[in-house]
Amino acid sequence: GRFTISRDSDKNMVYLQMNPLKPEDTAVYYC
């Protein structure tokens, strides 16, 4: 309900939209 994953296959890109963020989301994020 807060994060959304998406991709652009033509560009080989993956995205993660994050909102609203919470303090517990603090981390290093990897794909």
ModelCIF file with pLDDT and N, C-alpha, C, O atoms, coordinates in Angstrom:
data_MODEL
#
_entry.id   MODEL 
#
_entity.id                         1 
_entity.type                       polymer 
_entity.pdbx_number_of_molecules   1 
#
_entity_poly.entity_id                      1 
_entity_poly.type                           'polypeptide(L)' 
_entity_poly.nstd_linkage                   no 
_entity_poly.nstd_monomer                   no 
_entity_poly.pdbx_seq_one_letter_code       GRFTISRDSDKNMVYLQMNPLKPEDTAVYYC 
_entity_poly.pdbx_seq_one_letter_code_can   GRFTISRDSDKNMVYLQMNPLKPEDTAVYYC 
_entity_poly.pdbx_strand_id                 A 
#
loop_
_entity_poly_seq.entity_id 
_entity_poly_seq.num 
_entity_poly_seq.mon_id 
_entity_poly_seq.hetero 
1 1  GLY n 
1 2  ARG n 
1 3  PHE n 
1 4  THR n 
1 5  ILE n 
1 6  SER n 
1 7  ARG n 
1 8  ASP n 
1 9  SER n 
1 10 ASP n 
1 11 LYS n 
1 12 ASN n 
1 13 MET n 
1 14 VAL n 
1 15 TYR n 
1 16 LEU n 
1 17 GLN n 
1 18 MET n 
1 19 ASN n 
1 20 PRO n 
1 21 LEU n 
1 22 LYS n 
1 23 PRO n 
1 24 GLU n 
1 25 ASP n 
1 26 THR n 
1 27 ALA n 
1 28 VAL n 
1 29 TYR n 
1 30 TYR n 
1 31 CYS n 
#
_struct_asym.id          A 
_struct_asym.entity_id   1 
#
loop_
_ma_qa_metric.id 
_ma_qa_metric.mode 
_ma_qa_metric.name 
_ma_qa_metric.software_group_id 
_ma_qa_metric.type 
1 global pLDDT . pLDDT 
2 local  pLDDT . pLDDT 
#
_ma_qa_metric_global.metric_id      1 
_ma_qa_metric_global.metric_value   96.29 
_ma_qa_metric_global.model_id       1 
_ma_qa_metric_global.ordinal_id     1 
#
loop_
_ma_qa_metric_local.label_asym_id 
_ma_qa_metric_local.label_comp_id 
_ma_qa_metric_local.label_seq_id 
_ma_qa_metric_local.metric_id 
_ma_qa_metric_local.metric_value 
_ma_qa_metric_local.model_id 
_ma_qa_metric_local.ordinal_id 
A GLY 1  2 98.00 1 1  
A ARG 2  2 98.00 1 2  
A PHE 3  2 98.00 1 3  
A THR 4  2 98.00 1 4  
A ILE 5  2 98.00 1 5  
A SER 6  2 96.00 1 6  
A ARG 7  2 94.00 1 7  
A ASP 8  2 92.00 1 8  
A SER 9  2 89.00 1 9  
A ASP 10 2 88.00 1 10 
A LYS 11 2 91.00 1 11 
A ASN 12 2 92.00 1 12 
A MET 13 2 94.00 1 13 
A VAL 14 2 96.00 1 14 
A TYR 15 2 98.00 1 15 
A LEU 16 2 98.00 1 16 
A GLN 17 2 98.00 1 17 
A MET 18 2 98.00 1 18 
A ASN 19 2 98.00 1 19 
A PRO 20 2 98.00 1 20 
A LEU 21 2 98.00 1 21 
A LYS 22 2 98.00 1 22 
A PRO 23 2 98.00 1 23 
A GLU 24 2 97.00 1 24 
A ASP 25 2 98.00 1 25 
A THR 26 2 98.00 1 26 
A ALA 27 2 98.00 1 27 
A VAL 28 2 98.00 1 28 
A TYR 29 2 98.00 1 29 
A TYR 30 2 98.00 1 30 
A CYS 31 2 96.00 1 31 
#
loop_
_atom_site.group_PDB 
_atom_site.id 
_atom_site.type_symbol 
_atom_site.label_atom_id 
_atom_site.label_alt_id 
_atom_site.label_comp_id 
_atom_site.label_asym_id 
_atom_site.label_entity_id 
_atom_site.label_seq_id 
_atom_site.pdbx_PDB_ins_code 
_atom_site.Cartn_x 
_atom_site.Cartn_y 
_atom_site.Cartn_z 
_atom_site.occupancy 
_atom_site.B_iso_or_equiv 
_atom_site.pdbx_formal_charge 
_atom_site.auth_seq_id 
_atom_site.auth_comp_id 
_atom_site.auth_asym_id 
_atom_site.auth_atom_id 
_atom_site.pdbx_PDB_model_num 
ATOM 1   N N  . GLY A 1 1  ? 0.791  -1.217 0.000   1.00 98.00 ? 1  GLY A N  1 
ATOM 2   C CA . GLY A 1 1  ? 0.000  0.000  0.000   1.00 98.00 ? 1  GLY A CA 1 
ATOM 3   C C  . GLY A 1 1  ? 0.821  1.263  0.000   1.00 98.00 ? 1  GLY A C  1 
ATOM 4   O O  . GLY A 1 1  ? 0.283  2.354  -0.192  1.00 98.00 ? 1  GLY A O  1 
ATOM 5   N N  . ARG A 1 2  ? 2.126  1.132  0.214   1.00 98.00 ? 2  ARG A N  1 
ATOM 6   C CA . ARG A 1 2  ? 3.007  2.292  0.252   1.00 98.00 ? 2  ARG A CA 1 
ATOM 7   C C  . ARG A 1 2  ? 4.059  2.274  -0.854  1.00 98.00 ? 2  ARG A C  1 
ATOM 8   O O  . ARG A 1 2  ? 4.479  3.332  -1.324  1.00 98.00 ? 2  ARG A O  1 
ATOM 9   N N  . PHE A 1 3  ? 4.484  1.095  -1.270  1.00 98.00 ? 3  PHE A N  1 
ATOM 10  C CA . PHE A 1 3  ? 5.521  0.959  -2.289  1.00 98.00 ? 3  PHE A CA 1 
ATOM 11  C C  . PHE A 1 3  ? 4.907  0.425  -3.576  1.00 98.00 ? 3  PHE A C  1 
ATOM 12  O O  . PHE A 1 3  ? 3.950  -0.348 -3.548  1.00 98.00 ? 3  PHE A O  1 
ATOM 13  N N  . THR A 1 4  ? 5.465  0.845  -4.694  1.00 98.00 ? 4  THR A N  1 
ATOM 14  C CA . THR A 1 4  ? 5.037  0.360  -5.994  1.00 98.00 ? 4  THR A CA 1 
ATOM 15  C C  . THR A 1 4  ? 6.248  0.039  -6.846  1.00 98.00 ? 4  THR A C  1 
ATOM 16  O O  . THR A 1 4  ? 7.112  0.891  -7.053  1.00 98.00 ? 4  THR A O  1 
ATOM 17  N N  . ILE A 1 5  ? 6.315  -1.188 -7.341  1.00 98.00 ? 5  ILE A N  1 
ATOM 18  C CA . ILE A 1 5  ? 7.401  -1.592 -8.219  1.00 98.00 ? 5  ILE A CA 1 
ATOM 19  C C  . ILE A 1 5  ? 6.940  -1.480 -9.668  1.00 98.00 ? 5  ILE A C  1 
ATOM 20  O O  . ILE A 1 5  ? 5.792  -1.787 -9.989  1.00 98.00 ? 5  ILE A O  1 
ATOM 21  N N  . SER A 1 6  ? 7.823  -1.047 -10.520 1.00 96.00 ? 6  SER A N  1 
ATOM 22  C CA . SER A 1 6  ? 7.519  -0.936 -11.932 1.00 96.00 ? 6  SER A CA 1 
ATOM 23  C C  . SER A 1 6  ? 8.786  -1.157 -12.738 1.00 96.00 ? 6  SER A C  1 
ATOM 24  O O  . SER A 1 6  ? 9.880  -1.217 -12.176 1.00 96.00 ? 6  SER A O  1 
ATOM 25  N N  . ARG A 1 7  ? 8.647  -1.275 -14.021 1.00 94.00 ? 7  ARG A N  1 
ATOM 26  C CA . ARG A 1 7  ? 9.801  -1.499 -14.882 1.00 94.00 ? 7  ARG A CA 1 
ATOM 27  C C  . ARG A 1 7  ? 9.597  -0.857 -16.237 1.00 94.00 ? 7  ARG A C  1 
ATOM 28  O O  . ARG A 1 7  ? 8.473  -0.574 -16.653 1.00 94.00 ? 7  ARG A O  1 
ATOM 29  N N  . ASP A 1 8  ? 10.704 -0.635 -16.910 1.00 92.00 ? 8  ASP A N  1 
ATOM 30  C CA . ASP A 1 8  ? 10.716 -0.213 -18.295 1.00 92.00 ? 8  ASP A CA 1 
ATOM 31  C C  . ASP A 1 8  ? 11.621 -1.209 -19.000 1.00 92.00 ? 8  ASP A C  1 
ATOM 32  O O  . ASP A 1 8  ? 12.844 -1.070 -18.986 1.00 92.00 ? 8  ASP A O  1 
ATOM 33  N N  . SER A 1 9  ? 11.022 -2.199 -19.606 1.00 89.00 ? 9  SER A N  1 
ATOM 34  C CA . SER A 1 9  ? 11.790 -3.281 -20.202 1.00 89.00 ? 9  SER A CA 1 
ATOM 35  C C  . SER A 1 9  ? 12.671 -2.803 -21.355 1.00 89.00 ? 9  SER A C  1 
ATOM 36  O O  . SER A 1 9  ? 13.766 -3.327 -21.558 1.00 89.00 ? 9  SER A O  1 
ATOM 37  N N  . ASP A 1 10 ? 12.198 -1.815 -22.105 1.00 88.00 ? 10 ASP A N  1 
ATOM 38  C CA . ASP A 1 10 ? 12.979 -1.307 -23.229 1.00 88.00 ? 10 ASP A CA 1 
ATOM 39  C C  . ASP A 1 10 ? 14.280 -0.670 -22.774 1.00 88.00 ? 10 ASP A C  1 
ATOM 40  O O  . ASP A 1 10 ? 15.273 -0.689 -23.501 1.00 88.00 ? 10 ASP A O  1 
ATOM 41  N N  . LYS A 1 11 ? 14.279 -0.102 -21.567 1.00 91.00 ? 11 LYS A N  1 
ATOM 42  C CA . LYS A 1 11 ? 15.461 0.551  -21.034 1.00 91.00 ? 11 LYS A CA 1 
ATOM 43  C C  . LYS A 1 11 ? 16.182 -0.290 -19.988 1.00 91.00 ? 11 LYS A C  1 
ATOM 44  O O  . LYS A 1 11 ? 17.191 0.148  -19.435 1.00 91.00 ? 11 LYS A O  1 
ATOM 45  N N  . ASN A 1 12 ? 15.681 -1.489 -19.711 1.00 92.00 ? 12 ASN A N  1 
ATOM 46  C CA . ASN A 1 12 ? 16.230 -2.345 -18.661 1.00 92.00 ? 12 ASN A CA 1 
ATOM 47  C C  . ASN A 1 12 ? 16.315 -1.606 -17.327 1.00 92.00 ? 12 ASN A C  1 
ATOM 48  O O  . ASN A 1 12 ? 17.337 -1.639 -16.643 1.00 92.00 ? 12 ASN A O  1 
ATOM 49  N N  . MET A 1 13 ? 15.222 -0.945 -16.978 1.00 94.00 ? 13 MET A N  1 
ATOM 50  C CA . MET A 1 13 ? 15.144 -0.194 -15.741 1.00 94.00 ? 13 MET A CA 1 
ATOM 51  C C  . MET A 1 13 ? 14.035 -0.748 -14.859 1.00 94.00 ? 13 MET A C  1 
ATOM 52  O O  . MET A 1 13 ? 12.980 -1.159 -15.343 1.00 94.00 ? 13 MET A O  1 
ATOM 53  N N  . VAL A 1 14 ? 14.290 -0.752 -13.566 1.00 96.00 ? 14 VAL A N  1 
ATOM 54  C CA . VAL A 1 14 ? 13.305 -1.132 -12.566 1.00 96.00 ? 14 VAL A CA 1 
ATOM 55  C C  . VAL A 1 14 ? 13.218 -0.015 -11.542 1.00 96.00 ? 14 VAL A C  1 
ATOM 56  O O  . VAL A 1 14 ? 14.229 0.577  -11.166 1.00 96.00 ? 14 VAL A O  1 
ATOM 57  N N  . TYR A 1 15 ? 12.002 0.268  -11.095 1.00 98.00 ? 15 TYR A N  1 
ATOM 58  C CA . TYR A 1 15 ? 11.789 1.385  -10.194 1.00 98.00 ? 15 TYR A CA 1 
ATOM 59  C C  . TYR A 1 15 ? 11.047 0.943  -8.946  1.00 98.00 ? 15 TYR A C  1 
ATOM 60  O O  . TYR A 1 15 ? 10.330 -0.058 -8.952  1.00 98.00 ? 15 TYR A O  1 
ATOM 61  N N  . LEU A 1 16 ? 11.228 1.698  -7.889  1.00 98.00 ? 16 LEU A N  1 
ATOM 62  C CA . LEU A 1 16 ? 10.471 1.488  -6.668  1.00 98.00 ? 16 LEU A CA 1 
ATOM 63  C C  . LEU A 1 16 ? 10.024 2.842  -6.152  1.00 98.00 ? 16 LEU A C  1 
ATOM 64  O O  . LEU A 1 16 ? 10.831 3.628  -5.657  1.00 98.00 ? 16 LEU A O  1 
ATOM 65  N N  . GLN A 1 17 ? 8.737  3.109  -6.272  1.00 98.00 ? 17 GLN A N  1 
ATOM 66  C CA . GLN A 1 17 ? 8.156  4.325  -5.727  1.00 98.00 ? 17 GLN A CA 1 
ATOM 67  C C  . GLN A 1 17 ? 7.772  4.056  -4.282  1.00 98.00 ? 17 GLN A C  1 
ATOM 68  O O  . GLN A 1 17 ? 7.086  3.077  -3.986  1.00 98.00 ? 17 GLN A O  1 
ATOM 69  N N  . MET A 1 18 ? 8.211  4.918  -3.394  1.00 98.00 ? 18 MET A N  1 
ATOM 70  C CA . MET A 1 18 ? 8.001  4.715  -1.974  1.00 98.00 ? 18 MET A CA 1 
ATOM 71  C C  . MET A 1 18 ? 7.339  5.947  -1.369  1.00 98.00 ? 18 MET A C  1 
ATOM 72  O O  . MET A 1 18 ? 7.948  7.014  -1.293  1.00 98.00 ? 18 MET A O  1 
ATOM 73  N N  . ASN A 1 19 ? 6.103  5.796  -0.944  1.00 98.00 ? 19 ASN A N  1 
ATOM 74  C CA . ASN A 1 19 ? 5.431  6.848  -0.204  1.00 98.00 ? 19 ASN A CA 1 
ATOM 75  C C  . ASN A 1 19 ? 4.121  6.333  0.376   1.00 98.00 ? 19 ASN A C  1 
ATOM 76  O O  . ASN A 1 19 ? 3.398  5.567  -0.262  1.00 98.00 ? 19 ASN A O  1 
ATOM 77  N N  . PRO A 1 20 ? 3.833  6.766  1.594   1.00 98.00 ? 20 PRO A N  1 
ATOM 78  C CA . PRO A 1 20 ? 4.689  7.558  2.449   1.00 98.00 ? 20 PRO A CA 1 
ATOM 79  C C  . PRO A 1 20 ? 5.744  6.704  3.145   1.00 98.00 ? 20 PRO A C  1 
ATOM 80  O O  . PRO A 1 20 ? 5.507  5.541  3.471   1.00 98.00 ? 20 PRO A O  1 
ATOM 81  N N  . LEU A 1 21 ? 6.889  7.291  3.362   1.00 98.00 ? 21 LEU A N  1 
ATOM 82  C CA . LEU A 1 21 ? 7.981  6.585  4.015   1.00 98.00 ? 21 LEU A CA 1 
ATOM 83  C C  . LEU A 1 21 ? 7.860  6.665  5.533   1.00 98.00 ? 21 LEU A C  1 
ATOM 84  O O  . LEU A 1 21 ? 7.354  7.641  6.087   1.00 98.00 ? 21 LEU A O  1 
ATOM 85  N N  . LYS A 1 22 ? 8.334  5.619  6.182   1.00 98.00 ? 22 LYS A N  1 
ATOM 86  C CA . LYS A 1 22 ? 8.355  5.526  7.628   1.00 98.00 ? 22 LYS A CA 1 
ATOM 87  C C  . LYS A 1 22 ? 9.788  5.348  8.111   1.00 98.00 ? 22 LYS A C  1 
ATOM 88  O O  . LYS A 1 22 ? 10.638 4.888  7.348   1.00 98.00 ? 22 LYS A O  1 
ATOM 89  N N  . PRO A 1 23 ? 10.072 5.701  9.358   1.00 98.00 ? 23 PRO A N  1 
ATOM 90  C CA . PRO A 1 23 ? 11.431 5.504  9.876   1.00 98.00 ? 23 PRO A CA 1 
ATOM 91  C C  . PRO A 1 23 ? 11.925 4.071  9.741   1.00 98.00 ? 23 PRO A C  1 
ATOM 92  O O  . PRO A 1 23 ? 13.114 3.852  9.511   1.00 98.00 ? 23 PRO A O  1 
ATOM 93  N N  . GLU A 1 24 ? 11.041 3.100  9.879   1.00 97.00 ? 24 GLU A N  1 
ATOM 94  C CA . GLU A 1 24 ? 11.441 1.711  9.767   1.00 97.00 ? 24 GLU A CA 1 
ATOM 95  C C  . GLU A 1 24 ? 11.809 1.293  8.350   1.00 97.00 ? 24 GLU A C  1 
ATOM 96  O O  . GLU A 1 24 ? 12.282 0.176  8.140   1.00 97.00 ? 24 GLU A O  1 
ATOM 97  N N  . ASP A 1 25 ? 11.600 2.168  7.381   1.00 98.00 ? 25 ASP A N  1 
ATOM 98  C CA . ASP A 1 25 ? 12.037 1.902  6.016   1.00 98.00 ? 25 ASP A CA 1 
ATOM 99  C C  . ASP A 1 25 ? 13.516 2.204  5.813   1.00 98.00 ? 25 ASP A C  1 
ATOM 100 O O  . ASP A 1 25 ? 14.065 1.918  4.749   1.00 98.00 ? 25 ASP A O  1 
ATOM 101 N N  . THR A 1 26 ? 14.155 2.767  6.802   1.00 98.00 ? 26 THR A N  1 
ATOM 102 C CA . THR A 1 26 ? 15.569 3.097  6.701   1.00 98.00 ? 26 THR A CA 1 
ATOM 103 C C  . THR A 1 26 ? 16.385 1.836  6.445   1.00 98.00 ? 26 THR A C  1 
ATOM 104 O O  . THR A 1 26 ? 16.332 0.886  7.226   1.00 98.00 ? 26 THR A O  1 
ATOM 105 N N  . ALA A 1 27 ? 17.130 1.832  5.365   1.00 98.00 ? 27 ALA A N  1 
ATOM 106 C CA . ALA A 1 27 ? 17.900 0.662  4.960   1.00 98.00 ? 27 ALA A CA 1 
ATOM 107 C C  . ALA A 1 27 ? 18.665 0.993  3.694   1.00 98.00 ? 27 ALA A C  1 
ATOM 108 O O  . ALA A 1 27 ? 18.458 2.036  3.073   1.00 98.00 ? 27 ALA A O  1 
ATOM 109 N N  . VAL A 1 28 ? 19.549 0.086  3.328   1.00 98.00 ? 28 VAL A N  1 
ATOM 110 C CA . VAL A 1 28 ? 20.160 0.131  2.008   1.00 98.00 ? 28 VAL A CA 1 
ATOM 111 C C  . VAL A 1 28 ? 19.304 -0.724 1.089   1.00 98.00 ? 28 VAL A C  1 
ATOM 112 O O  . VAL A 1 28 ? 19.008 -1.877 1.403   1.00 98.00 ? 28 VAL A O  1 
ATOM 113 N N  . TYR A 1 29 ? 18.910 -0.169 -0.030  1.00 98.00 ? 29 TYR A N  1 
ATOM 114 C CA . TYR A 1 29 ? 18.024 -0.848 -0.965  1.00 98.00 ? 29 TYR A CA 1 
ATOM 115 C C  . TYR A 1 29 ? 18.795 -1.339 -2.179  1.00 98.00 ? 29 TYR A C  1 
ATOM 116 O O  . TYR A 1 29 ? 19.610 -0.616 -2.751  1.00 98.00 ? 29 TYR A O  1 
ATOM 117 N N  . TYR A 1 30 ? 18.528 -2.567 -2.557  1.00 98.00 ? 30 TYR A N  1 
ATOM 118 C CA . TYR A 1 30 ? 19.197 -3.210 -3.677  1.00 98.00 ? 30 TYR A CA 1 
ATOM 119 C C  . TYR A 1 30 ? 18.179 -3.775 -4.652  1.00 98.00 ? 30 TYR A C  1 
ATOM 120 O O  . TYR A 1 30 ? 17.088 -4.182 -4.253  1.00 98.00 ? 30 TYR A O  1 
ATOM 121 N N  . CYS A 1 31 ? 18.526 -3.798 -5.905  1.00 96.00 ? 31 CYS A N  1 
ATOM 122 C CA . CYS A 1 31 ? 17.738 -4.538 -6.882  1.00 96.00 ? 31 CYS A CA 1 
ATOM 123 C C  . CYS A 1 31 ? 18.509 -5.771 -7.301  1.00 96.00 ? 31 CYS A C  1 
ATOM 124 O O  . CYS A 1 31 ? 18.029 -6.549 -8.125  1.00 96.00 ? 31 CYS A O  1 
#
